[in-house]
Structures are given as structure tokens and as C-alpha cells.
């Protein structure tokens, strides 16, 4: 996926025309990567909060 984003970016930065759909693809790829990174972090935080709540003190 990162290569796909790079190729789309390279085409647009070198004054080549890119289709809106290609740009939307790049946005979707970037969103997916960010979701993978931050959803994992969110899951860690939720899990940690549940431990604290179940023990009723810092874990």
C-alpha cells in the first residue's frame, strides 16, 4: 500500500494529470493505514482502562 500511495503522489507532483478516482484511492489507502495504527492504540488504551476498572486501582 505505501508504494501505491507513493506512485500516485509521484505522478501528481510531476505535473501529470491524475484522475479523481486515483486521488480518492490514495486517500482511502492513507485512511486505512492510519486506522490500523491508531485503532490498535485505541484498543490498547481501552484494554488498560478495563484492567484499572476491574481492579479499582492503577494496574
N, C-alpha and C. Protein backbone atom coordinates (compact mmCIF):
# COMPACT_ATOMS: atom_id res chain seq x y z
N UNK A 1 0.81 -1.20 0.00
CA UNK A 1 0.00 0.00 0.00
C UNK A 1 0.85 1.27 0.00
N UNK A 2 1.91 1.33 0.79
CA UNK A 2 2.71 2.57 0.76
C UNK A 2 3.27 2.88 -0.63
N UNK A 3 3.64 1.85 -1.38
CA UNK A 3 4.15 2.10 -2.74
C UNK A 3 3.05 2.69 -3.62
N UNK A 4 1.83 2.21 -3.46
CA UNK A 4 0.72 2.73 -4.27
C UNK A 4 0.52 4.21 -3.99
N UNK A 5 0.57 4.58 -2.72
CA UNK A 5 0.43 5.99 -2.35
C UNK A 5 1.56 6.80 -2.95
N UNK A 6 2.77 6.27 -2.87
CA UNK A 6 3.93 6.97 -3.41
C UNK A 6 3.80 7.17 -4.93
N UNK A 7 3.38 6.13 -5.65
CA UNK A 7 3.25 6.24 -7.11
C UNK A 7 2.21 7.27 -7.51
N UNK A 8 1.09 7.29 -6.79
CA UNK A 8 0.06 8.29 -7.07
C UNK A 8 0.62 9.69 -6.79
N UNK A 9 1.31 9.84 -5.68
CA UNK A 9 1.91 11.13 -5.33
C UNK A 9 2.96 11.57 -6.34
N UNK A 10 3.79 10.63 -6.79
CA UNK A 10 4.81 10.96 -7.77
C UNK A 10 4.20 11.47 -9.07
N UNK A 11 3.16 10.81 -9.53
CA UNK A 11 2.50 11.24 -10.77
C UNK A 11 1.95 12.65 -10.63
N UNK A 12 1.33 12.92 -9.50
CA UNK A 12 0.71 14.24 -9.34
C UNK A 12 1.76 15.33 -9.11
N UNK A 13 2.88 14.99 -8.50
CA UNK A 13 3.89 16.02 -8.23
C UNK A 13 4.75 16.34 -9.46
N UNK A 14 4.71 15.47 -10.46
CA UNK A 14 5.48 15.71 -11.67
C UNK A 14 4.60 16.22 -12.81
N UNK A 15 3.55 16.94 -12.42
CA UNK A 15 2.66 17.63 -13.36
C UNK A 15 1.89 16.70 -14.29
N UNK A 16 1.80 15.42 -13.91
CA UNK A 16 0.95 14.53 -14.68
C UNK A 16 -0.47 14.67 -14.14
N UNK A 17 -1.42 14.54 -15.02
CA UNK A 17 -2.81 14.58 -14.58
C UNK A 17 -3.16 13.24 -13.95
N UNK A 18 -3.85 13.30 -12.82
CA UNK A 18 -4.36 12.07 -12.24
C UNK A 18 -5.87 12.19 -12.10
N UNK A 19 -6.52 11.08 -12.23
CA UNK A 19 -7.98 11.06 -12.14
C UNK A 19 -8.41 11.23 -10.68
N UNK A 20 -9.59 11.78 -10.50
CA UNK A 20 -10.13 11.94 -9.15
C UNK A 20 -10.19 10.60 -8.43
N UNK A 21 -10.56 9.56 -9.16
CA UNK A 21 -10.65 8.24 -8.54
C UNK A 21 -9.30 7.77 -8.01
N UNK A 22 -8.22 8.11 -8.72
CA UNK A 22 -6.89 7.76 -8.24
C UNK A 22 -6.56 8.51 -6.96
N UNK A 23 -6.94 9.76 -6.91
CA UNK A 23 -6.73 10.56 -5.70
C UNK A 23 -7.55 10.00 -4.54
N UNK A 24 -8.79 9.63 -4.83
CA UNK A 24 -9.64 9.03 -3.79
C UNK A 24 -9.06 7.71 -3.30
N UNK A 25 -8.47 6.95 -4.22
CA UNK A 25 -7.79 5.71 -3.82
C UNK A 25 -6.67 6.01 -2.83
N UNK A 26 -5.88 7.00 -3.14
CA UNK A 26 -4.76 7.37 -2.25
C UNK A 26 -5.29 7.76 -0.88
N UNK A 27 -6.35 8.55 -0.83
CA UNK A 27 -6.94 8.94 0.45
C UNK A 27 -7.43 7.71 1.22
N UNK A 28 -8.03 6.78 0.51
CA UNK A 28 -8.54 5.56 1.16
C UNK A 28 -7.38 4.73 1.71
N UNK A 29 -6.29 4.63 0.95
CA UNK A 29 -5.11 3.90 1.42
C UNK A 29 -4.54 4.55 2.68
N UNK A 30 -4.42 5.87 2.65
CA UNK A 30 -3.87 6.59 3.80
C UNK A 30 -4.78 6.42 5.01
N UNK A 31 -6.08 6.54 4.81
CA UNK A 31 -7.03 6.36 5.91
C UNK A 31 -6.90 4.96 6.51
N UNK A 32 -6.77 3.96 5.67
CA UNK A 32 -6.66 2.58 6.15
C UNK A 32 -5.41 2.40 7.00
N UNK A 33 -4.29 2.94 6.52
CA UNK A 33 -3.04 2.84 7.28
C UNK A 33 -3.18 3.55 8.62
N UNK A 34 -3.74 4.75 8.62
CA UNK A 34 -3.93 5.48 9.88
C UNK A 34 -4.87 4.74 10.83
N UNK A 35 -5.93 4.14 10.28
CA UNK A 35 -6.84 3.36 11.11
C UNK A 35 -6.12 2.17 11.75
N UNK A 36 -5.27 1.51 10.98
CA UNK A 36 -4.52 0.37 11.51
C UNK A 36 -3.61 0.80 12.66
N UNK A 37 -2.98 1.95 12.50
CA UNK A 37 -2.06 2.44 13.53
C UNK A 37 -2.83 2.88 14.77
N UNK A 38 -3.82 3.73 14.59
CA UNK A 38 -4.49 4.33 15.74
C UNK A 38 -5.58 3.47 16.34
N UNK A 39 -6.22 2.61 15.57
CA UNK A 39 -7.19 1.70 16.16
C UNK A 39 -6.50 0.74 17.11
N UNK A 40 -5.30 0.31 16.76
CA UNK A 40 -4.53 -0.57 17.63
C UNK A 40 -4.21 0.16 18.94
N UNK A 41 -3.83 1.41 18.85
CA UNK A 41 -3.54 2.19 20.05
C UNK A 41 -4.80 2.35 20.90
N UNK A 42 -5.92 2.58 20.25
CA UNK A 42 -7.17 2.73 20.97
C UNK A 42 -7.51 1.44 21.71
N UNK A 43 -7.31 0.31 21.05
CA UNK A 43 -7.59 -0.98 21.70
C UNK A 43 -6.70 -1.19 22.92
N UNK A 44 -5.44 -0.78 22.84
CA UNK A 44 -4.53 -0.90 23.98
C UNK A 44 -5.03 -0.04 25.14
N UNK A 45 -5.45 1.17 24.84
CA UNK A 45 -5.93 2.09 25.88
C UNK A 45 -7.20 1.55 26.53
N UNK A 46 -8.13 1.06 25.71
CA UNK A 46 -9.37 0.50 26.25
C UNK A 46 -9.08 -0.70 27.13
N UNK A 47 -8.18 -1.57 26.69
CA UNK A 47 -7.81 -2.75 27.47
C UNK A 47 -7.21 -2.34 28.81
N UNK A 48 -6.32 -1.36 28.78
CA UNK A 48 -5.68 -0.89 30.01
C UNK A 48 -6.72 -0.27 30.95
N UNK A 49 -7.64 0.50 30.42
CA UNK A 49 -8.70 1.10 31.23
C UNK A 49 -9.57 0.03 31.87
N UNK A 50 -9.86 -1.03 31.14
CA UNK A 50 -10.67 -2.13 31.69
C UNK A 50 -9.94 -2.80 32.85
N UNK A 51 -8.62 -2.97 32.74
CA UNK A 51 -7.85 -3.56 33.84
C UNK A 51 -7.92 -2.68 35.08
N UNK A 52 -7.76 -1.39 34.88
CA UNK A 52 -7.84 -0.46 36.01
C UNK A 52 -9.22 -0.51 36.64
N UNK A 53 -10.26 -0.51 35.81
CA UNK A 53 -11.63 -0.54 36.32
C UNK A 53 -11.92 -1.84 37.08
N UNK A 54 -11.43 -2.97 36.57
CA UNK A 54 -11.72 -4.25 37.23
C UNK A 54 -10.98 -4.37 38.57
N UNK A 55 -9.81 -3.78 38.67
CA UNK A 55 -9.04 -3.83 39.91
C UNK A 55 -9.36 -2.64 40.83
N UNK A 56 -10.04 -1.66 40.28
CA UNK A 56 -10.40 -0.44 41.00
C UNK A 56 -9.18 0.28 41.57
N UNK A 57 -8.05 0.15 40.86
CA UNK A 57 -6.82 0.85 41.20
C UNK A 57 -5.90 0.78 39.99
N UNK A 58 -4.85 1.59 39.98
CA UNK A 58 -3.92 1.55 38.82
C UNK A 58 -3.36 0.14 38.62
N UNK A 59 -3.29 -0.25 37.38
CA UNK A 59 -2.80 -1.60 37.07
C UNK A 59 -1.29 -1.61 36.92
